N, C-alpha and C. Protein backbone atom coordinates (compact mmCIF):
# COMPACT_ATOMS: atom_id res chain seq x y z
N VAL A 1 -112.78 58.52 -87.29
CA VAL A 1 -112.78 58.70 -85.86
C VAL A 1 -111.45 59.32 -85.46
N HIS A 2 -111.51 60.33 -84.63
CA HIS A 2 -110.31 61.04 -84.21
C HIS A 2 -109.94 60.63 -82.78
N HIS A 3 -108.74 60.10 -82.62
CA HIS A 3 -108.25 59.75 -81.29
C HIS A 3 -107.39 60.90 -80.80
N PHE A 4 -107.88 61.63 -79.81
CA PHE A 4 -107.21 62.85 -79.39
C PHE A 4 -106.07 62.60 -78.42
N TRP A 5 -106.00 61.40 -77.81
CA TRP A 5 -104.93 61.15 -76.84
C TRP A 5 -104.59 59.68 -76.89
N TYR A 6 -103.53 59.37 -77.58
CA TYR A 6 -103.22 57.97 -77.83
C TYR A 6 -101.71 57.78 -77.89
N ASP A 7 -101.03 57.95 -76.73
CA ASP A 7 -99.59 57.75 -76.68
C ASP A 7 -99.20 57.24 -75.30
N TYR A 8 -97.88 57.19 -75.03
CA TYR A 8 -97.40 56.61 -73.78
C TYR A 8 -97.71 57.46 -72.55
N SER A 9 -97.99 58.74 -72.73
CA SER A 9 -98.33 59.55 -71.55
C SER A 9 -99.64 59.06 -70.91
N LEU A 10 -100.51 58.48 -71.70
CA LEU A 10 -101.73 57.90 -71.15
C LEU A 10 -101.41 56.69 -70.28
N LEU A 11 -100.43 55.89 -70.68
CA LEU A 11 -100.03 54.73 -69.88
C LEU A 11 -99.42 55.15 -68.55
N ILE A 12 -98.68 56.24 -68.55
CA ILE A 12 -98.09 56.75 -67.31
C ILE A 12 -99.20 57.15 -66.33
N MET A 13 -100.21 57.84 -66.85
CA MET A 13 -101.33 58.23 -65.98
C MET A 13 -102.08 57.01 -65.46
N CYS A 14 -102.25 55.98 -66.29
CA CYS A 14 -102.91 54.75 -65.83
C CYS A 14 -102.11 54.08 -64.72
N PHE A 15 -100.79 54.09 -64.85
CA PHE A 15 -99.93 53.52 -63.82
C PHE A 15 -100.07 54.27 -62.51
N VAL A 16 -100.10 55.60 -62.56
CA VAL A 16 -100.23 56.41 -61.35
C VAL A 16 -101.60 56.18 -60.70
N VAL A 17 -102.65 56.12 -61.50
CA VAL A 17 -103.98 55.86 -60.95
C VAL A 17 -104.03 54.48 -60.31
N GLY A 18 -103.36 53.49 -60.90
CA GLY A 18 -103.30 52.16 -60.30
C GLY A 18 -102.58 52.17 -58.96
N LEU A 19 -101.50 52.93 -58.86
CA LEU A 19 -100.80 53.05 -57.58
C LEU A 19 -101.68 53.71 -56.52
N LEU A 20 -102.39 54.75 -56.91
CA LEU A 20 -103.29 55.42 -55.96
C LEU A 20 -104.42 54.49 -55.51
N GLY A 21 -104.99 53.74 -56.45
CA GLY A 21 -106.05 52.81 -56.11
C GLY A 21 -105.57 51.71 -55.18
N GLY A 22 -104.36 51.20 -55.43
CA GLY A 22 -103.79 50.19 -54.54
C GLY A 22 -103.53 50.75 -53.15
N GLY A 23 -103.09 51.99 -53.09
CA GLY A 23 -102.86 52.62 -51.78
C GLY A 23 -104.15 52.78 -51.00
N VAL A 24 -105.22 53.16 -51.68
CA VAL A 24 -106.52 53.29 -51.01
C VAL A 24 -107.00 51.93 -50.52
N TYR A 25 -106.78 50.91 -51.33
CA TYR A 25 -107.18 49.54 -50.96
C TYR A 25 -106.48 49.11 -49.68
N VAL A 26 -105.17 49.27 -49.63
CA VAL A 26 -104.40 48.86 -48.46
C VAL A 26 -104.78 49.69 -47.24
N GLN A 27 -104.92 50.98 -47.41
CA GLN A 27 -105.26 51.84 -46.28
C GLN A 27 -106.66 51.54 -45.75
N GLY A 28 -107.57 51.13 -46.61
CA GLY A 28 -108.91 50.75 -46.15
C GLY A 28 -108.86 49.57 -45.18
N TYR A 29 -108.09 48.54 -45.54
CA TYR A 29 -107.96 47.39 -44.65
C TYR A 29 -107.18 47.75 -43.38
N ASN A 30 -106.17 48.59 -43.50
CA ASN A 30 -105.45 49.03 -42.30
C ASN A 30 -106.37 49.82 -41.36
N ARG A 31 -107.23 50.62 -41.95
CA ARG A 31 -108.17 51.42 -41.14
C ARG A 31 -109.16 50.52 -40.41
N ILE A 32 -109.66 49.51 -41.10
CA ILE A 32 -110.57 48.56 -40.44
C ILE A 32 -109.84 47.86 -39.29
N ASN A 33 -108.62 47.44 -39.56
CA ASN A 33 -107.85 46.75 -38.53
C ASN A 33 -107.57 47.63 -37.32
N ALA A 34 -107.34 48.90 -37.55
CA ALA A 34 -106.99 49.81 -36.45
C ALA A 34 -108.21 50.30 -35.68
N ASP A 35 -109.33 50.52 -36.36
CA ASP A 35 -110.47 51.19 -35.73
C ASP A 35 -111.55 50.26 -35.18
N MET A 36 -111.63 49.04 -35.67
CA MET A 36 -112.71 48.15 -35.22
C MET A 36 -112.34 47.48 -33.90
N PRO A 37 -113.33 47.27 -33.05
CA PRO A 37 -113.05 46.50 -31.83
C PRO A 37 -112.67 45.06 -32.19
N LYS A 38 -111.93 44.41 -31.30
CA LYS A 38 -111.41 43.06 -31.60
C LYS A 38 -112.52 42.06 -31.91
N GLU A 39 -113.66 42.17 -31.24
CA GLU A 39 -114.72 41.20 -31.46
C GLU A 39 -115.41 41.36 -32.81
N LEU A 40 -115.29 42.52 -33.45
CA LEU A 40 -115.91 42.75 -34.76
C LEU A 40 -114.89 42.81 -35.90
N ARG A 41 -113.63 42.77 -35.58
CA ARG A 41 -112.59 42.98 -36.60
C ARG A 41 -112.61 41.91 -37.69
N GLU A 42 -112.69 40.65 -37.32
CA GLU A 42 -112.67 39.57 -38.31
C GLU A 42 -113.88 39.66 -39.23
N PHE A 43 -115.05 39.94 -38.65
CA PHE A 43 -116.27 40.08 -39.47
C PHE A 43 -116.15 41.27 -40.42
N ALA A 44 -115.60 42.38 -39.94
CA ALA A 44 -115.46 43.56 -40.78
C ALA A 44 -114.49 43.33 -41.93
N LEU A 45 -113.37 42.65 -41.65
CA LEU A 45 -112.42 42.35 -42.72
C LEU A 45 -113.02 41.38 -43.74
N SER A 46 -113.79 40.40 -43.27
CA SER A 46 -114.45 39.45 -44.18
C SER A 46 -115.50 40.16 -45.03
N SER A 47 -116.26 41.05 -44.40
CA SER A 47 -117.28 41.80 -45.15
C SER A 47 -116.64 42.69 -46.20
N ALA A 48 -115.53 43.31 -45.86
CA ALA A 48 -114.83 44.16 -46.83
C ALA A 48 -114.28 43.34 -47.98
N SER A 49 -113.81 42.13 -47.71
CA SER A 49 -113.30 41.26 -48.76
C SER A 49 -114.41 40.83 -49.71
N VAL A 50 -115.57 40.47 -49.15
CA VAL A 50 -116.70 40.08 -49.99
C VAL A 50 -117.18 41.27 -50.81
N ALA A 51 -117.27 42.44 -50.19
CA ALA A 51 -117.70 43.63 -50.93
C ALA A 51 -116.72 43.97 -52.04
N ASP A 52 -115.44 43.78 -51.80
CA ASP A 52 -114.43 44.02 -52.82
C ASP A 52 -114.62 43.08 -54.01
N SER A 53 -114.85 41.81 -53.73
CA SER A 53 -115.05 40.83 -54.80
C SER A 53 -116.33 41.10 -55.59
N VAL A 54 -117.39 41.46 -54.91
CA VAL A 54 -118.65 41.79 -55.60
C VAL A 54 -118.47 43.04 -56.45
N GLY A 55 -117.75 44.03 -55.95
CA GLY A 55 -117.49 45.23 -56.74
C GLY A 55 -116.69 44.94 -57.99
N ILE A 56 -115.71 44.06 -57.89
CA ILE A 56 -114.92 43.67 -59.06
C ILE A 56 -115.79 42.93 -60.07
N LEU A 57 -116.67 42.06 -59.60
CA LEU A 57 -117.57 41.32 -60.49
C LEU A 57 -118.51 42.27 -61.24
N VAL A 58 -119.10 43.22 -60.53
CA VAL A 58 -120.00 44.19 -61.16
C VAL A 58 -119.24 45.04 -62.18
N ALA A 59 -118.02 45.44 -61.83
CA ALA A 59 -117.22 46.24 -62.76
C ALA A 59 -116.86 45.45 -64.01
N ASP A 60 -116.54 44.16 -63.85
CA ASP A 60 -116.21 43.33 -65.01
C ASP A 60 -117.40 43.15 -65.94
N ILE A 61 -118.56 42.90 -65.37
CA ILE A 61 -119.75 42.70 -66.20
C ILE A 61 -120.13 44.00 -66.91
N SER A 62 -120.11 45.12 -66.19
CA SER A 62 -120.46 46.39 -66.84
C SER A 62 -119.42 46.80 -67.88
N SER A 63 -118.16 46.41 -67.67
CA SER A 63 -117.14 46.77 -68.66
C SER A 63 -117.34 46.04 -69.97
N LEU A 64 -117.93 44.85 -69.94
CA LEU A 64 -118.24 44.16 -71.19
C LEU A 64 -119.21 44.97 -72.04
N PHE A 65 -120.23 45.54 -71.41
CA PHE A 65 -121.21 46.33 -72.14
C PHE A 65 -120.63 47.67 -72.58
N ILE A 66 -119.81 48.28 -71.73
CA ILE A 66 -119.17 49.54 -72.11
C ILE A 66 -118.23 49.32 -73.29
N GLN A 67 -117.47 48.23 -73.26
CA GLN A 67 -116.57 47.92 -74.36
C GLN A 67 -117.33 47.69 -75.66
N SER A 68 -118.46 46.99 -75.59
CA SER A 68 -119.23 46.75 -76.80
C SER A 68 -119.79 48.04 -77.37
N CYS A 69 -120.18 48.98 -76.52
CA CYS A 69 -120.66 50.28 -77.01
C CYS A 69 -119.52 51.08 -77.64
N ILE A 70 -118.34 51.02 -77.04
CA ILE A 70 -117.18 51.72 -77.63
C ILE A 70 -116.83 51.09 -78.97
N TYR A 71 -116.84 49.74 -79.03
CA TYR A 71 -116.55 49.06 -80.30
C TYR A 71 -117.57 49.46 -81.37
N GLN A 72 -118.84 49.48 -81.00
CA GLN A 72 -119.88 49.83 -81.96
C GLN A 72 -119.71 51.27 -82.44
N ARG A 73 -119.40 52.17 -81.56
CA ARG A 73 -119.22 53.58 -81.91
C ARG A 73 -118.05 53.78 -82.86
N ASN A 74 -116.96 52.97 -82.68
CA ASN A 74 -115.78 53.10 -83.52
C ASN A 74 -115.77 52.15 -84.71
N GLY A 75 -116.83 51.38 -84.88
CA GLY A 75 -116.93 50.49 -86.02
C GLY A 75 -115.99 49.29 -85.95
N ILE A 76 -115.76 48.76 -84.76
CA ILE A 76 -114.87 47.61 -84.55
C ILE A 76 -115.73 46.39 -84.26
N ASP A 77 -115.45 45.28 -84.95
CA ASP A 77 -116.16 44.02 -84.69
C ASP A 77 -115.43 43.24 -83.61
N GLY A 78 -116.14 42.28 -83.01
CA GLY A 78 -115.50 41.38 -82.07
C GLY A 78 -115.92 41.53 -80.63
N ALA A 79 -116.93 42.32 -80.33
CA ALA A 79 -117.38 42.46 -78.95
C ALA A 79 -118.09 41.18 -78.51
N VAL A 80 -117.95 40.83 -77.25
CA VAL A 80 -118.53 39.60 -76.72
C VAL A 80 -120.04 39.73 -76.55
N VAL A 81 -120.51 40.89 -76.15
CA VAL A 81 -121.94 41.15 -75.95
C VAL A 81 -122.36 42.28 -76.88
N ASN A 82 -123.66 42.49 -76.98
CA ASN A 82 -124.18 43.58 -77.80
C ASN A 82 -124.42 44.82 -76.95
N CYS A 83 -124.17 45.98 -77.54
CA CYS A 83 -124.39 47.25 -76.84
C CYS A 83 -125.88 47.46 -76.62
N PRO A 84 -126.31 47.72 -75.38
CA PRO A 84 -127.74 47.92 -75.12
C PRO A 84 -128.24 49.28 -75.59
N LEU A 85 -127.34 50.21 -75.92
CA LEU A 85 -127.72 51.53 -76.38
C LEU A 85 -127.74 51.57 -77.89
N SER A 86 -128.59 52.41 -78.44
CA SER A 86 -128.59 52.59 -79.89
C SER A 86 -127.80 53.85 -80.21
N LEU A 87 -126.56 53.66 -80.61
CA LEU A 87 -125.66 54.80 -80.89
C LEU A 87 -125.70 55.16 -82.34
């Protein structure tokens, strides 16, 4: 298996993407706070928080299956779940 990009420059890009994602997260809540009427603001912030948590849960569950497929493709043992695809 050939790893075409496996050094510290990849970590720098991951750090930058994390900063951008955090900025979008904060600006989303600021936008809700600024644009929603006062009577709907608390509900909108609560809904956004629940949607954020559900999104993280779905991403975590799907990442288990993606990781198992990557492990299977590279011949690595130790995945928690089995890959649903036949690679």
